[in-house]
């Protein structure tokens, strides 16, 4: 009996929350100004809540509606809107949040620039924007949320925030046109399925970072942004006979290579730096054909 009462109480509480949410939504105050619809909050702030243009337009979000500052894009505000080609937030510096599903299914949206002022982007914000090709995150965004760009099949160019710490579940899954994405050393977590079905993707990563390990663990192609060339064991920026000597000294325990330079010394990519690498490097310097991309920036 006690268990049944607990379950019943839980169901009732859930229903109460749903009813309160519905009442809150129905009680919201909206206003229309030209092509823009706004949700008013009663404290001289507002959210962008819709767009009624009849032709495909480049849209600039204003700073104010009447005397109310625009502080967010409402949940589901532009969902399935087909009349927006691009969005400029630069005129709305008080706008700090993009709500869940805010631009989901915007079939004409081609580019988006998220400025410093926007510190929070909610789940599925741009899900299914099939025409979207270019995305730039500036400033304070430290996470790409769940399904943010899920099935954005035309997405090609993405620049992420220098403050980015995490990429959540399915954030870029199904982005089949995405070929390259740079991840800085600030990244501390990437969901295992963040890039699901992105078969053409190469990650730009720094040696020894979380993103580098993630790429290796998930068999995703990568290029090292450190700029070190395969075979440059002494780190002087060139592949020469001095690198052969460095490898030989390492094998003989006369000199110890570490980090990315030990990685660069493994010219035959077998996971071990030994005399075979020195031999292959000598062959390369003697202009014999080798099967490894020696003297090229390290990729995998």
C-alpha atoms as a PDB file:
ATOM      1  CA  UNK A   1       0.000   0.000   0.000  1.00  0.00           C
ATOM      2  CA  UNK A   2       2.790   2.403   0.910  1.00  0.00           C
ATOM      3  CA  UNK A   3       4.534   1.806  -2.445  1.00  0.00           C
ATOM      4  CA  UNK A   4       1.285   2.472  -4.321  1.00  0.00           C
ATOM      5  CA  UNK A   5       0.789   5.727  -2.425  1.00  0.00           C
ATOM      6  CA  UNK A   6       4.329   6.869  -3.299  1.00  0.00           C
ATOM      7  CA  UNK A   7       3.773   6.108  -6.983  1.00  0.00           C
ATOM      8  CA  UNK A   8       0.419   7.886  -6.925  1.00  0.00           C
ATOM      9  CA  UNK A   9       1.957  10.953  -5.285  1.00  0.00           C
ATOM     10  CA  UNK A  10       4.690  11.003  -7.923  1.00  0.00           C
ATOM     11  CA  UNK A  11       2.133  10.863 -10.752  1.00  0.00           C
ATOM     12  CA  UNK A  12       0.077  13.614  -9.174  1.00  0.00           C
ATOM     13  CA  UNK A  13       3.151  15.814  -8.776  1.00  0.00           C
ATOM     14  CA  UNK A  14       4.043  15.292 -12.444  1.00  0.00           C
ATOM     15  CA  UNK A  15       0.527  16.231 -13.496  1.00  0.00           C
ATOM     16  CA  UNK A  16       0.655  19.351 -11.351  1.00  0.00           C
ATOM     17  CA  UNK A  17       3.932  20.413 -12.986  1.00  0.00           C
ATOM     18  CA  UNK A  18       2.469  19.841 -16.474  1.00  0.00           C
ATOM     19  CA  UNK A  19      -0.681  21.776 -15.610  1.00  0.00           C
ATOM     20  CA  UNK A  20       1.329  24.661 -14.163  1.00  0.00           C
ATOM     21  CA  UNK A  21       3.538  24.734 -17.278  1.00  0.00           C
ATOM     22  CA  UNK A  22       0.494  24.790 -19.523  1.00  0.00           C
ATOM     23  CA  UNK A  23      -1.115  27.555 -17.498  1.00  0.00           C
ATOM     24  CA  UNK A  24       2.098  29.543 -17.547  1.00  0.00           C
ATOM     25  CA  UNK A  25       2.344  29.208 -21.339  1.00  0.00           C
ATOM     26  CA  UNK A  26      -1.299  30.196 -21.830  1.00  0.00           C
ATOM     27  CA  UNK A  27      -0.840  33.171 -19.513  1.00  0.00           C
ATOM     28  CA  UNK A  28       2.214  34.466 -21.363  1.00  0.00           C
ATOM     29  CA  UNK A  29       1.877  37.897 -22.949  1.00  0.00           C
ATOM     30  CA  UNK A  30       2.841  38.195 -26.612  1.00  0.00           C
ATOM     31  CA  UNK A  31       3.218  41.150 -28.912  1.00  0.00           C
ATOM     32  CA  UNK A  32       3.716  41.573 -32.652  1.00  0.00           C
ATOM     33  CA  UNK A  33       5.926  44.245 -34.213  1.00  0.00           C
ATOM     34  CA  UNK A  34       6.139  43.989 -37.973  1.00  0.00           C
ATOM     35  CA  UNK A  35       7.473  40.540 -38.811  1.00  0.00           C
ATOM     36  CA  UNK A  36       8.670  39.866 -35.251  1.00  0.00           C
ATOM     37  CA  UNK A  37       6.728  38.233 -32.442  1.00  0.00           C
ATOM     38  CA  UNK A  38       7.831  38.737 -28.823  1.00  0.00           C
ATOM     39  CA  UNK A  39       7.073  37.197 -25.466  1.00  0.00           C
ATOM     40  CA  UNK A  40       6.921  39.874 -22.753  1.00  0.00           C
ATOM     41  CA  UNK A  41       8.046  39.110 -19.208  1.00  0.00           C
ATOM     42  CA  UNK A  42       6.729  42.130 -17.301  1.00  0.00           C
ATOM     43  CA  UNK A  43      10.132  43.348 -16.075  1.00  0.00           C
ATOM     44  CA  UNK A  44      11.026  45.330 -19.200  1.00  0.00           C
ATOM     45  CA  UNK A  45      12.536  42.234 -20.828  1.00  0.00           C
ATOM     46  CA  UNK A  46      11.316  40.098 -23.692  1.00  0.00           C
ATOM     47  CA  UNK A  47      12.126  37.040 -25.780  1.00  0.00           C
ATOM     48  CA  UNK A  48      12.082  36.773 -29.553  1.00  0.00           C
ATOM     49  CA  UNK A  49       9.227  34.330 -30.037  1.00  0.00           C
ATOM     50  CA  UNK A  50       8.460  34.167 -33.756  1.00  0.00           C
ATOM     51  CA  UNK A  51       8.923  35.535 -37.260  1.00  0.00           C
ATOM     52  CA  UNK A  52       6.177  36.006 -39.862  1.00  0.00           C
ATOM     53  CA  UNK A  53       8.077  37.155 -42.947  1.00  0.00           C
ATOM     54  CA  UNK A  54       6.681  35.878 -46.224  1.00  0.00           C
ATOM     55  CA  UNK A  55       9.967  35.850 -48.172  1.00  0.00           C
ATOM     56  CA  UNK A  56      13.319  34.304 -47.293  1.00  0.00           C
ATOM     57  CA  UNK A  57      15.234  37.030 -45.401  1.00  0.00           C
ATOM     58  CA  UNK A  58      18.450  37.815 -43.555  1.00  0.00           C
ATOM     59  CA  UNK A  59      17.168  38.711 -40.107  1.00  0.00           C
ATOM     60  CA  UNK A  60      18.684  41.121 -37.569  1.00  0.00           C
ATOM     61  CA  UNK A  61      17.387  40.730 -34.020  1.00  0.00           C
ATOM     62  CA  UNK A  62      16.728  44.186 -32.486  1.00  0.00           C
ATOM     63  CA  UNK A  63      17.936  45.209 -29.055  1.00  0.00           C
ATOM     64  CA  UNK A  64      14.505  46.355 -27.857  1.00  0.00           C
ATOM     65  CA  UNK A  65      10.849  45.798 -28.394  1.00  0.00           C
ATOM     66  CA  UNK A  66       9.227  49.030 -27.226  1.00  0.00           C
ATOM     67  CA  UNK A  67      11.059  49.560 -23.891  1.00  0.00           C
ATOM     68  CA  UNK A  68      11.791  45.887 -23.277  1.00  0.00           C
ATOM     69  CA  UNK A  69      15.282  44.458 -23.792  1.00  0.00           C
ATOM     70  CA  UNK A  70      15.461  41.317 -25.882  1.00  0.00           C
ATOM     71  CA  UNK A  71      17.223  38.825 -23.594  1.00  0.00           C
ATOM     72  CA  UNK A  72      16.551  35.440 -25.220  1.00  0.00           C
ATOM     73  CA  UNK A  73      15.144  33.417 -28.088  1.00  0.00           C
ATOM     74  CA  UNK A  74      12.142  31.561 -26.721  1.00  0.00           C
ATOM     75  CA  UNK A  75      11.843  27.772 -26.706  1.00  0.00           C
ATOM     76  CA  UNK A  76      10.465  26.552 -30.087  1.00  0.00           C
ATOM     77  CA  UNK A  77      10.316  30.194 -31.252  1.00  0.00           C
ATOM     78  CA  UNK A  78      11.313  29.664 -34.901  1.00  0.00           C
ATOM     79  CA  UNK A  79      10.742  25.925 -35.133  1.00  0.00           C
ATOM     80  CA  UNK A  80      10.136  24.835 -38.755  1.00  0.00           C
ATOM     81  CA  UNK A  81      10.271  28.412 -40.019  1.00  0.00           C
ATOM     82  CA  UNK A  82      11.257  28.403 -43.694  1.00  0.00           C
ATOM     83  CA  UNK A  83      11.722  32.163 -44.197  1.00  0.00           C
ATOM     84  CA  UNK A  84      15.016  32.841 -42.390  1.00  0.00           C
ATOM     85  CA  UNK A  85      18.300  32.639 -44.313  1.00  0.00           C
ATOM     86  CA  UNK A  86      20.633  34.047 -41.632  1.00  0.00           C
ATOM     87  CA  UNK A  87      20.392  35.607 -38.183  1.00  0.00           C
ATOM     88  CA  UNK A  88      22.434  38.546 -36.886  1.00  0.00           C
ATOM     89  CA  UNK A  89      22.445  38.875 -33.081  1.00  0.00           C
ATOM     90  CA  UNK A  90      25.005  41.670 -32.942  1.00  0.00           C
ATOM     91  CA  UNK A  91      22.387  44.410 -32.471  1.00  0.00           C
ATOM     92  CA  UNK A  92      20.992  42.612 -29.396  1.00  0.00           C
ATOM     93  CA  UNK A  93      23.854  42.584 -26.840  1.00  0.00           C
ATOM     94  CA  UNK A  94      21.524  41.742 -23.944  1.00  0.00           C
ATOM     95  CA  UNK A  95      20.412  38.501 -25.579  1.00  0.00           C
ATOM     96  CA  UNK A  96      22.106  35.730 -23.579  1.00  0.00           C
ATOM     97  CA  UNK A  97      20.110  32.548 -24.271  1.00  0.00           C
ATOM     98  CA  UNK A  98      18.847  30.518 -27.215  1.00  0.00           C
ATOM     99  CA  UNK A  99      16.043  28.213 -26.087  1.00  0.00           C
ATOM    100  CA  UNK A 100      15.446  24.563 -26.838  1.00  0.00           C
ATOM    101  CA  UNK A 101      14.416  23.773 -30.428  1.00  0.00           C
ATOM    102  CA  UNK A 102      14.501  27.535 -31.080  1.00  0.00           C
ATOM    103  CA  UNK A 103      15.583  27.162 -34.732  1.00  0.00           C
ATOM    104  CA  UNK A 104      14.925  23.453 -35.177  1.00  0.00           C
ATOM    105  CA  UNK A 105      13.827  22.608 -38.712  1.00  0.00           C
ATOM    106  CA  UNK A 106      14.539  26.080 -40.138  1.00  0.00           C
ATOM    107  CA  UNK A 107      14.936  24.739 -43.649  1.00  0.00           C
ATOM    108  CA  UNK A 108      16.304  27.948 -45.241  1.00  0.00           C
ATOM    109  CA  UNK A 109      18.775  28.879 -42.503  1.00  0.00           C
ATOM    110  CA  UNK A 110      22.267  28.909 -44.034  1.00  0.00           C
ATOM    111  CA  UNK A 111      24.505  30.600 -41.471  1.00  0.00           C
ATOM    112  CA  UNK A 112      24.555  31.538 -37.823  1.00  0.00           C
ATOM    113  CA  UNK A 113      26.981  33.603 -35.745  1.00  0.00           C
ATOM    114  CA  UNK A 114      26.588  33.283 -31.980  1.00  0.00           C
ATOM    115  CA  UNK A 115      28.253  36.297 -30.318  1.00  0.00           C
ATOM    116  CA  UNK A 116      29.957  36.750 -26.957  1.00  0.00           C
ATOM    117  CA  UNK A 117      26.737  37.838 -25.269  1.00  0.00           C
ATOM    118  CA  UNK A 118      25.045  34.450 -25.757  1.00  0.00           C
ATOM    119  CA  UNK A 119      26.309  32.249 -22.951  1.00  0.00           C
ATOM    120  CA  UNK A 120      23.724  29.457 -23.115  1.00  0.00           C
ATOM    121  CA  UNK A 121      22.338  27.436 -26.023  1.00  0.00           C
ATOM    122  CA  UNK A 122      19.719  24.839 -25.119  1.00  0.00           C
ATOM    123  CA  UNK A 123      19.151  21.343 -26.510  1.00  0.00           C
ATOM    124  CA  UNK A 124      18.302  20.791 -30.187  1.00  0.00           C
ATOM    125  CA  UNK A 125      18.506  24.519 -30.889  1.00  0.00           C
ATOM    126  CA  UNK A 126      19.455  24.006 -34.555  1.00  0.00           C
ATOM    127  CA  UNK A 127      18.422  20.396 -35.035  1.00  0.00           C
ATOM    128  CA  UNK A 128      17.506  19.484 -38.605  1.00  0.00           C
ATOM    129  CA  UNK A 129      18.513  22.789 -40.216  1.00  0.00           C
ATOM    130  CA  UNK A 130      19.324  21.036 -43.473  1.00  0.00           C
ATOM    131  CA  UNK A 131      20.550  24.148 -45.358  1.00  0.00           C
ATOM    132  CA  UNK A 132      22.877  25.303 -42.583  1.00  0.00           C
ATOM    133  CA  UNK A 133      26.486  25.417 -43.808  1.00  0.00           C
ATOM    134  CA  UNK A 134      28.321  27.864 -41.513  1.00  0.00           C
ATOM    135  CA  UNK A 135      28.356  28.222 -37.725  1.00  0.00           C
ATOM    136  CA  UNK A 136      30.562  30.441 -35.563  1.00  0.00           C
ATOM    137  CA  UNK A 137      30.549  30.337 -31.751  1.00  0.00           C
ATOM    138  CA  UNK A 138      32.265  33.299 -30.118  1.00  0.00           C
ATOM    139  CA  UNK A 139      32.870  34.064 -26.462  1.00  0.00           C
ATOM    140  CA  UNK A 140      31.421  32.313 -23.476  1.00  0.00           C
ATOM    141  CA  UNK A 141      29.720  29.191 -24.827  1.00  0.00           C
ATOM    142  CA  UNK A 142      31.325  26.322 -22.930  1.00  0.00           C
ATOM    143  CA  UNK A 143      29.140  23.496 -24.215  1.00  0.00           C
ATOM    144  CA  UNK A 144      27.560  22.319 -27.449  1.00  0.00           C
ATOM    145  CA  UNK A 145      24.326  20.840 -26.089  1.00  0.00           C
ATOM    146  CA  UNK A 146      22.496  17.610 -26.819  1.00  0.00           C
ATOM    147  CA  UNK A 147      21.465  17.317 -30.503  1.00  0.00           C
ATOM    148  CA  UNK A 148      22.320  20.968 -31.108  1.00  0.00           C
ATOM    149  CA  UNK A 149      23.150  20.379 -34.795  1.00  0.00           C
ATOM    150  CA  UNK A 150      21.711  16.897 -35.177  1.00  0.00           C
ATOM    151  CA  UNK A 151      21.063  16.061 -38.850  1.00  0.00           C
ATOM    152  CA  UNK A 152      22.319  19.398 -40.162  1.00  0.00           C
ATOM    153  CA  UNK A 153      23.303  17.577 -43.320  1.00  0.00           C
ATOM    154  CA  UNK A 154      24.843  20.570 -45.151  1.00  0.00           C
ATOM    155  CA  UNK A 155      26.995  21.792 -42.255  1.00  0.00           C
ATOM    156  CA  UNK A 156      30.585  22.285 -43.453  1.00  0.00           C
ATOM    157  CA  UNK A 157      32.268  25.079 -41.509  1.00  0.00           C
ATOM    158  CA  UNK A 158      32.181  25.278 -37.709  1.00  0.00           C
ATOM    159  CA  UNK A 159      34.235  27.522 -35.467  1.00  0.00           C
ATOM    160  CA  UNK A 160      33.820  26.722 -31.785  1.00  0.00           C
ATOM    161  CA  UNK A 161      34.338  28.928 -28.753  1.00  0.00           C
ATOM    162  CA  UNK A 162      37.797  29.158 -27.237  1.00  0.00           C
ATOM    163  CA  UNK A 163      36.060  28.462 -23.908  1.00  0.00           C
ATOM    164  CA  UNK A 164      34.429  25.218 -25.050  1.00  0.00           C
ATOM    165  CA  UNK A 165      34.593  22.440 -22.444  1.00  0.00           C
ATOM    166  CA  UNK A 166      32.123  19.816 -23.640  1.00  0.00           C
ATOM    167  CA  UNK A 167      30.275  18.433 -26.656  1.00  0.00           C
ATOM    168  CA  UNK A 168      27.156  16.571 -25.619  1.00  0.00           C
ATOM    169  CA  UNK A 169      25.231  13.585 -26.973  1.00  0.00           C
ATOM    170  CA  UNK A 170      24.536  13.661 -30.744  1.00  0.00           C
ATOM    171  CA  UNK A 171      25.586  17.326 -30.877  1.00  0.00           C
ATOM    172  CA  UNK A 172      26.919  16.949 -34.441  1.00  0.00           C
ATOM    173  CA  UNK A 173      25.512  13.510 -35.282  1.00  0.00           C
ATOM    174  CA  UNK A 174      24.283  13.121 -38.827  1.00  0.00           C
ATOM    175  CA  UNK A 175      26.276  16.117 -40.087  1.00  0.00           C
ATOM    176  CA  UNK A 176      27.332  14.158 -43.134  1.00  0.00           C
ATOM    177  CA  UNK A 177      28.961  17.124 -44.923  1.00  0.00           C
ATOM    178  CA  UNK A 178      31.154  18.074 -41.961  1.00  0.00           C
ATOM    179  CA  UNK A 179      34.751  17.416 -42.984  1.00  0.00           C
ATOM    180  CA  UNK A 180      36.872  19.341 -40.465  1.00  0.00           C
ATOM    181  CA  UNK A 181      36.472  20.632 -36.923  1.00  0.00           C
ATOM    182  CA  UNK A 182      39.123  22.111 -34.635  1.00  0.00           C
ATOM    183  CA  UNK A 183      39.010  21.251 -30.933  1.00  0.00           C
ATOM    184  CA  UNK A 184      41.199  23.214 -28.536  1.00  0.00           C
ATOM    185  CA  UNK A 185      42.845  21.938 -25.379  1.00  0.00           C
ATOM    186  CA  UNK A 186      40.009  23.409 -23.266  1.00  0.00           C
ATOM    187  CA  UNK A 187      37.728  20.498 -24.239  1.00  0.00           C
ATOM    188  CA  UNK A 188      37.281  18.084 -21.331  1.00  0.00           C
ATOM    189  CA  UNK A 189      34.386  15.894 -22.466  1.00  0.00           C
ATOM    190  CA  UNK A 190      32.936  14.652 -25.762  1.00  0.00           C
ATOM    191  CA  UNK A 191      30.029  12.217 -25.829  1.00  0.00           C
ATOM    192  CA  UNK A 192      30.799   8.921 -27.577  1.00  0.00           C
ATOM    193  CA  UNK A 193      28.030   9.577 -30.132  1.00  0.00           C
ATOM    194  CA  UNK A 194      28.690  13.299 -30.613  1.00  0.00           C
ATOM    195  CA  UNK A 195      29.830  12.732 -34.214  1.00  0.00           C
ATOM    196  CA  UNK A 196      27.794   9.627 -35.036  1.00  0.00           C
ATOM    197  CA  UNK A 197      27.594   8.960 -38.815  1.00  0.00           C
ATOM    198  CA  UNK A 198      29.989  11.837 -39.644  1.00  0.00           C
ATOM    199  CA  UNK A 199      32.061   9.583 -41.859  1.00  0.00           C
ATOM    200  CA  UNK A 200      33.989  12.372 -43.611  1.00  0.00           C
ATOM    201  CA  UNK A 201      35.130  14.134 -40.451  1.00  0.00           C
ATOM    202  CA  UNK A 202      38.711  15.009 -39.549  1.00  0.00           C
ATOM    203  CA  UNK A 203      39.377  16.623 -36.167  1.00  0.00           C
ATOM    204  CA  UNK A 204      42.051  19.243 -35.632  1.00  0.00           C
ATOM    205  CA  UNK A 205      43.521  18.510 -32.176  1.00  0.00           C
ATOM    206  CA  UNK A 206      46.590  19.181 -30.060  1.00  0.00           C
ATOM    207  CA  UNK A 207      48.879  16.348 -29.070  1.00  0.00           C
ATOM    208  CA  UNK A 208      48.151  14.774 -25.710  1.00  0.00           C
ATOM    209  CA  UNK A 209      44.821  16.544 -25.160  1.00  0.00           C
ATOM    210  CA  UNK A 210      41.470  15.006 -24.344  1.00  0.00           C
ATOM    211  CA  UNK A 211      40.350  15.623 -27.939  1.00  0.00           C
ATOM    212  CA  UNK A 212      43.431  13.847 -29.304  1.00  0.00           C
ATOM    213  CA  UNK A 213      42.757  10.784 -27.151  1.00  0.00           C
ATOM    214  CA  UNK A 214      39.066  10.912 -28.092  1.00  0.00           C
ATOM    215  CA  UNK A 215      39.909  10.876 -31.800  1.00  0.00           C
ATOM    216  CA  UNK A 216      42.202   7.873 -31.345  1.00  0.00           C
ATOM    217  CA  UNK A 217      39.744   5.983 -29.124  1.00  0.00           C
ATOM    218  CA  UNK A 218      36.869   6.524 -31.559  1.00  0.00           C
ATOM    219  CA  UNK A 219      38.863   5.921 -34.745  1.00  0.00           C
ATOM    220  CA  UNK A 220      38.222   9.441 -36.053  1.00  0.00           C
ATOM    221  CA  UNK A 221      40.764  10.900 -38.457  1.00  0.00           C
ATOM    222  CA  UNK A 222      42.749  13.788 -37.013  1.00  0.00           C
ATOM    223  CA  UNK A 223      45.488  16.272 -37.751  1.00  0.00           C
ATOM    224  CA  UNK A 224      47.737  17.641 -35.012  1.00  0.00           C
ATOM    225  CA  UNK A 225      47.506  21.417 -34.711  1.00  0.00           C
ATOM    226  CA  UNK A 226      50.921  21.581 -33.044  1.00  0.00           C
ATOM    227  CA  UNK A 227      52.372  21.636 -36.572  1.00  0.00           C
ATOM    228  CA  UNK A 228      55.032  19.005 -35.867  1.00  0.00           C
ATOM    229  CA  UNK A 229      56.110  16.991 -38.887  1.00  0.00           C
ATOM    230  CA  UNK A 230      56.421  13.231 -38.954  1.00  0.00           C
ATOM    231  CA  UNK A 231      60.128  12.479 -38.498  1.00  0.00           C
ATOM    232  CA  UNK A 232      61.025  15.776 -36.792  1.00  0.00           C
ATOM    233  CA  UNK A 233      62.321  14.074 -33.652  1.00  0.00           C
ATOM    234  CA  UNK A 234      64.508  16.962 -32.501  1.00  0.00           C
ATOM    235  CA  UNK A 235      61.755  19.574 -32.913  1.00  0.00           C
ATOM    236  CA  UNK A 236      63.675  22.042 -35.042  1.00  0.00           C
ATOM    237  CA  UNK A 237      60.937  22.237 -37.690  1.00  0.00           C
ATOM    238  CA  UNK A 238      62.818  20.286 -40.360  1.00  0.00           C
ATOM    239  CA  UNK A 239      63.449  16.618 -41.098  1.00  0.00           C
ATOM    240  CA  UNK A 240      67.207  16.083 -41.387  1.00  0.00           C
ATOM    241  CA  UNK A 241      69.982  13.643 -40.527  1.00  0.00           C
ATOM    242  CA  UNK A 242      69.921  15.149 -37.028  1.00  0.00           C
ATOM    243  CA  UNK A 243      66.560  13.460 -36.490  1.00  0.00           C
ATOM    244  CA  UNK A 244      68.062  10.100 -37.423  1.00  0.00           C
ATOM    245  CA  UNK A 245      70.736  10.711 -34.803  1.00  0.00           C
ATOM    246  CA  UNK A 246      68.121  11.679 -32.196  1.00  0.00           C
ATOM    247  CA  UNK A 247      66.229   8.433 -32.793  1.00  0.00           C
ATOM    248  CA  UNK A 248      69.420   6.366 -32.627  1.00  0.00           C
ATOM    249  CA  UNK A 249      70.415   8.066 -29.355  1.00  0.00           C
ATOM    250  CA  UNK A 250      66.943   7.415 -27.940  1.00  0.00           C
ATOM    251  CA  UNK A 251      67.159   3.714 -28.824  1.00  0.00           C
ATOM    252  CA  UNK A 252      70.631   3.533 -27.253  1.00  0.00           C
ATOM    253  CA  UNK A 253      69.377   5.226 -24.049  1.00  0.00           C
ATOM    254  CA  UNK A 254      71.732   8.153 -24.676  1.00  0.00           C
ATOM    255  CA  UNK A 255      68.893  10.659 -25.160  1.00  0.00           C
ATOM    256  CA  UNK A 256      65.232  10.467 -24.283  1.00  0.00           C
ATOM    257  CA  UNK A 257      62.544  11.707 -26.631  1.00  0.00           C
ATOM    258  CA  UNK A 258      59.265  12.679 -25.003  1.00  0.00           C
ATOM    259  CA  UNK A 259      55.743  13.793 -25.848  1.00  0.00           C
ATOM    260  CA  UNK A 260      55.003  14.840 -29.366  1.00  0.00           C
ATOM    261  CA  UNK A 261      58.624  14.450 -30.475  1.00  0.00           C
ATOM    262  CA  UNK A 262      58.644  10.808 -29.422  1.00  0.00           C
ATOM    263  CA  UNK A 263      55.394  10.536 -31.377  1.00  0.00           C
ATOM    264  CA  UNK A 264      57.021  12.191 -34.409  1.00  0.00           C
ATOM    265  CA  UNK A 265      59.995   9.805 -34.176  1.00  0.00           C
ATOM    266  CA  UNK A 266      57.706   6.810 -34.768  1.00  0.00           C
ATOM    267  CA  UNK A 267      57.881   7.332 -38.521  1.00  0.00           C
ATOM    268  CA  UNK A 268      56.493   3.910 -39.467  1.00  0.00           C
ATOM    269  CA  UNK A 269      53.464   4.427 -37.146  1.00  0.00           C
ATOM    270  CA  UNK A 270      53.727   1.044 -35.441  1.00  0.00           C
ATOM    271  CA  UNK A 271      53.464   2.510 -31.952  1.00  0.00           C
ATOM    272  CA  UNK A 272      57.118   1.943 -31.033  1.00  0.00           C
ATOM    273  CA  UNK A 273      60.173   4.117 -31.651  1.00  0.00           C
ATOM    274  CA  UNK A 274      63.096   1.839 -32.550  1.00  0.00           C
ATOM    275  CA  UNK A 275      65.913   1.387 -35.031  1.00  0.00           C
ATOM    276  CA  UNK A 276      63.438   0.638 -37.836  1.00  0.00           C
ATOM    277  CA  UNK A 277      62.258   4.252 -37.623  1.00  0.00           C
ATOM    278  CA  UNK A 278      65.819   5.514 -37.969  1.00  0.00           C
ATOM    279  CA  UNK A 279      66.299   3.257 -40.993  1.00  0.00           C
ATOM    280  CA  UNK A 280      63.089   4.441 -42.667  1.00  0.00           C
ATOM    281  CA  UNK A 281      64.084   8.050 -42.046  1.00  0.00           C
ATOM    282  CA  UNK A 282      67.505   7.462 -43.591  1.00  0.00           C
ATOM    283  CA  UNK A 283      65.834   5.933 -46.635  1.00  0.00           C
ATOM    284  CA  UNK A 284      63.589   8.980 -46.955  1.00  0.00           C
ATOM    285  CA  UNK A 285      66.556  11.369 -46.728  1.00  0.00           C
ATOM    286  CA  UNK A 286      68.358   9.334 -49.359  1.00  0.00           C
ATOM    287  CA  UNK A 287      65.283   9.869 -51.576  1.00  0.00           C
ATOM    288  CA  UNK A 288      64.158   6.272 -51.576  1.00  0.00           C
ATOM    289  CA  UNK A 289      60.410   5.763 -51.731  1.00  0.00           C
ATOM    290  CA  UNK A 290      58.781   5.189 -48.324  1.00  0.00           C
ATOM    291  CA  UNK A 291      55.145   4.471 -47.551  1.00  0.00           C
ATOM    292  CA  UNK A 292      54.844   6.947 -44.663  1.00  0.00           C
ATOM    293  CA  UNK A 293      54.130  10.717 -45.001  1.00  0.00           C
ATOM    294  CA  UNK A 294      57.486  11.776 -43.543  1.00  0.00           C
ATOM    295  CA  UNK A 295      58.068  15.565 -43.497  1.00  0.00           C
ATOM    296  CA  UNK A 296      54.302  16.235 -43.419  1.00  0.00           C
ATOM    297  CA  UNK A 297      52.329  17.558 -40.427  1.00  0.00           C
ATOM    298  CA  UNK A 298      51.268  14.543 -38.387  1.00  0.00           C
ATOM    299  CA  UNK A 299      47.799  13.190 -39.102  1.00  0.00           C
ATOM    300  CA  UNK A 300      46.050   9.942 -38.338  1.00  0.00           C
END
